[in-house]
């Protein structure tokens, strides 16, 4: 399915009262063909995702991966000020050296460190060190392994 092309909508023979209806016929047909492509493109590849009854885009029309443009962070900004993840959040493991080499950390960043204290994996949180004023990574102590009940 080819998406509509606005260049195919010409109003040359449609924009004045003196325009010839016969000459306008081709322009009207081309415009209606483009409108048909838009309508038929709903829910199709290279078309537009439809909204469901709740005015939401259904999960089947959402991508499995979101990529931003170069050097731009992905921002989620819900009106509730809360992002809810229904299942598991998977953080890409990074070494201590990789985390310390980052120049883009901000207070509140969270990372999974694959070789933290004594080489063990740990959760790391970035926040401002009050003594030095720098934003640095701090290890979050992990408790005992969870057990099934």
Protein backbone atom coordinates (compact mmCIF):
# COMPACT_ATOMS: atom_id res chain seq x y z
CA UNK A 1 0.00 0.00 0.00
CA UNK A 2 1.52 3.30 -1.03
CA UNK A 3 0.85 6.20 1.27
CA UNK A 4 -0.86 9.24 -0.19
CA UNK A 5 1.20 11.97 -1.82
CA UNK A 6 -0.01 15.55 -1.31
CA UNK A 7 1.81 16.57 -4.50
CA UNK A 8 -0.90 14.70 -6.38
CA UNK A 9 -3.54 17.10 -5.06
CA UNK A 10 -3.67 20.05 -7.47
CA UNK A 11 -6.11 22.94 -7.07
CA UNK A 12 -5.17 24.85 -10.20
CA UNK A 13 -8.54 24.20 -11.83
CA UNK A 14 -10.50 24.43 -8.57
CA UNK A 15 -9.60 27.76 -6.99
CA UNK A 16 -11.55 30.30 -9.06
CA UNK A 17 -15.18 30.62 -10.01
CA UNK A 18 -14.17 30.94 -13.66
CA UNK A 19 -12.33 27.58 -13.71
CA UNK A 20 -13.67 25.03 -16.15
CA UNK A 21 -15.57 22.12 -14.52
CA UNK A 22 -14.24 19.86 -17.27
CA UNK A 23 -10.65 20.81 -16.44
CA UNK A 24 -11.37 20.38 -12.71
CA UNK A 25 -12.59 16.80 -13.22
CA UNK A 26 -9.04 15.37 -13.45
CA UNK A 27 -7.90 17.33 -10.39
CA UNK A 28 -10.91 16.15 -8.37
CA UNK A 29 -10.35 12.53 -9.43
CA UNK A 30 -6.67 12.67 -8.42
CA UNK A 31 -7.57 14.22 -5.06
CA UNK A 32 -10.21 11.55 -4.39
CA UNK A 33 -7.71 8.83 -5.32
CA UNK A 34 -5.31 10.26 -2.73
CA UNK A 35 -8.09 10.40 -0.12
CA UNK A 36 -8.90 6.76 -0.86
CA UNK A 37 -5.24 5.87 -0.21
CA UNK A 38 -5.41 7.64 3.16
CA UNK A 39 -8.61 5.81 4.13
CA UNK A 40 -7.30 2.44 2.93
CA UNK A 41 -3.96 3.08 4.67
CA UNK A 42 -5.56 2.93 8.11
CA UNK A 43 -3.96 0.03 9.96
CA UNK A 44 -1.72 -0.90 7.03
CA UNK A 45 2.07 -0.93 6.64
CA UNK A 46 3.32 2.56 5.74
CA UNK A 47 -0.12 3.91 6.64
CA UNK A 48 -1.53 5.34 9.82
CA UNK A 49 -2.31 3.54 13.09
CA UNK A 50 -6.02 3.62 13.95
CA UNK A 51 -7.36 4.68 17.32
CA UNK A 52 -9.54 2.29 19.31
CA UNK A 53 -12.81 3.19 21.07
CA UNK A 54 -10.82 4.76 23.93
CA UNK A 55 -8.90 7.00 21.47
CA UNK A 56 -5.73 4.99 22.08
CA UNK A 57 -3.39 3.29 19.62
CA UNK A 58 -3.71 -0.47 20.17
CA UNK A 59 -0.58 -2.38 21.19
CA UNK A 60 -0.59 -4.29 17.89
CA UNK A 61 0.21 -1.01 16.10
CA UNK A 62 3.06 0.05 18.41
CA UNK A 63 6.69 -0.73 17.56
CA UNK A 64 8.70 -3.26 19.56
CA UNK A 65 11.55 -0.77 19.81
CA UNK A 66 11.77 3.01 19.96
CA UNK A 67 14.87 4.74 18.66
CA UNK A 68 15.46 8.44 18.97
CA UNK A 69 17.46 10.63 16.66
CA UNK A 70 21.18 11.03 17.24
CA UNK A 71 22.13 12.39 20.68
CA UNK A 72 18.52 12.74 21.82
CA UNK A 73 17.19 10.99 24.91
CA UNK A 74 13.80 9.30 24.80
CA UNK A 75 11.45 11.17 27.13
CA UNK A 76 8.24 9.72 28.55
CA UNK A 77 6.12 12.47 30.05
CA UNK A 78 2.75 11.15 31.26
CA UNK A 79 0.25 13.63 32.66
CA UNK A 80 0.24 11.63 35.93
CA UNK A 81 4.00 12.20 36.39
CA UNK A 82 4.37 8.44 36.78
CA UNK A 83 5.63 5.83 34.29
CA UNK A 84 4.20 2.39 35.01
CA UNK A 85 5.90 -0.74 33.74
CA UNK A 86 3.57 -3.70 34.06
CA UNK A 87 6.15 -6.47 34.14
CA UNK A 88 9.95 -6.52 34.26
CA UNK A 89 12.34 -3.67 33.52
CA UNK A 90 15.54 -4.97 31.96
CA UNK A 91 18.60 -2.72 32.24
CA UNK A 92 21.56 -3.36 29.93
CA UNK A 93 24.49 -4.41 32.18
CA UNK A 94 27.44 -2.03 32.26
CA UNK A 95 30.77 -2.36 34.03
CA UNK A 96 32.02 0.05 36.65
CA UNK A 97 34.46 1.44 34.08
CA UNK A 98 31.66 1.99 31.54
CA UNK A 99 29.48 3.77 34.11
CA UNK A 100 32.33 5.97 35.32
CA UNK A 101 33.28 6.88 31.74
CA UNK A 102 29.80 8.24 30.97
CA UNK A 103 29.57 12.00 30.70
CA UNK A 104 25.79 12.14 30.33
CA UNK A 105 24.63 11.05 33.79
CA UNK A 106 22.04 13.06 35.66
CA UNK A 107 20.89 12.85 39.22
CA UNK A 108 18.31 10.07 39.45
CA UNK A 109 19.73 7.85 36.67
CA UNK A 110 19.60 4.14 37.47
CA UNK A 111 21.88 1.48 36.01
CA UNK A 112 22.69 -2.19 36.38
CA UNK A 113 26.38 -2.61 37.17
CA UNK A 114 27.71 -6.04 36.18
CA UNK A 115 30.87 -5.94 38.32
CA UNK A 116 30.20 -3.75 41.34
CA UNK A 117 31.65 -4.23 44.82
CA UNK A 118 33.89 -7.32 44.98
CA UNK A 119 33.00 -8.06 41.36
CA UNK A 120 29.35 -8.75 42.17
CA UNK A 121 26.47 -7.32 40.18
CA UNK A 122 24.59 -4.45 41.77
CA UNK A 123 22.13 -1.68 41.13
CA UNK A 124 23.64 1.79 40.79
CA UNK A 125 21.93 5.14 41.28
CA UNK A 126 23.39 8.47 40.21
CA UNK A 127 23.07 11.38 42.57
CA UNK A 128 24.98 14.43 43.60
CA UNK A 129 27.82 13.93 46.04
CA UNK A 130 27.29 16.74 48.55
CA UNK A 131 30.98 16.93 49.48
CA UNK A 132 32.35 17.26 45.93
CA UNK A 133 29.28 18.63 44.15
CA UNK A 134 29.70 16.10 41.33
CA UNK A 135 27.05 13.69 40.16
CA UNK A 136 28.43 10.19 40.74
CA UNK A 137 27.24 6.59 40.81
CA UNK A 138 26.43 4.98 44.15
CA UNK A 139 25.88 1.28 44.70
CA UNK A 140 22.54 0.21 46.11
CA UNK A 141 22.98 -2.61 48.58
CA UNK A 142 21.01 -5.67 47.64
CA UNK A 143 19.45 -7.91 50.26
CA UNK A 144 19.08 -11.65 50.34
CA UNK A 145 17.82 -13.64 47.35
CA UNK A 146 14.06 -13.92 47.17
CA UNK A 147 12.67 -17.35 47.91
CA UNK A 148 9.50 -18.99 46.71
CA UNK A 149 6.86 -19.46 49.34
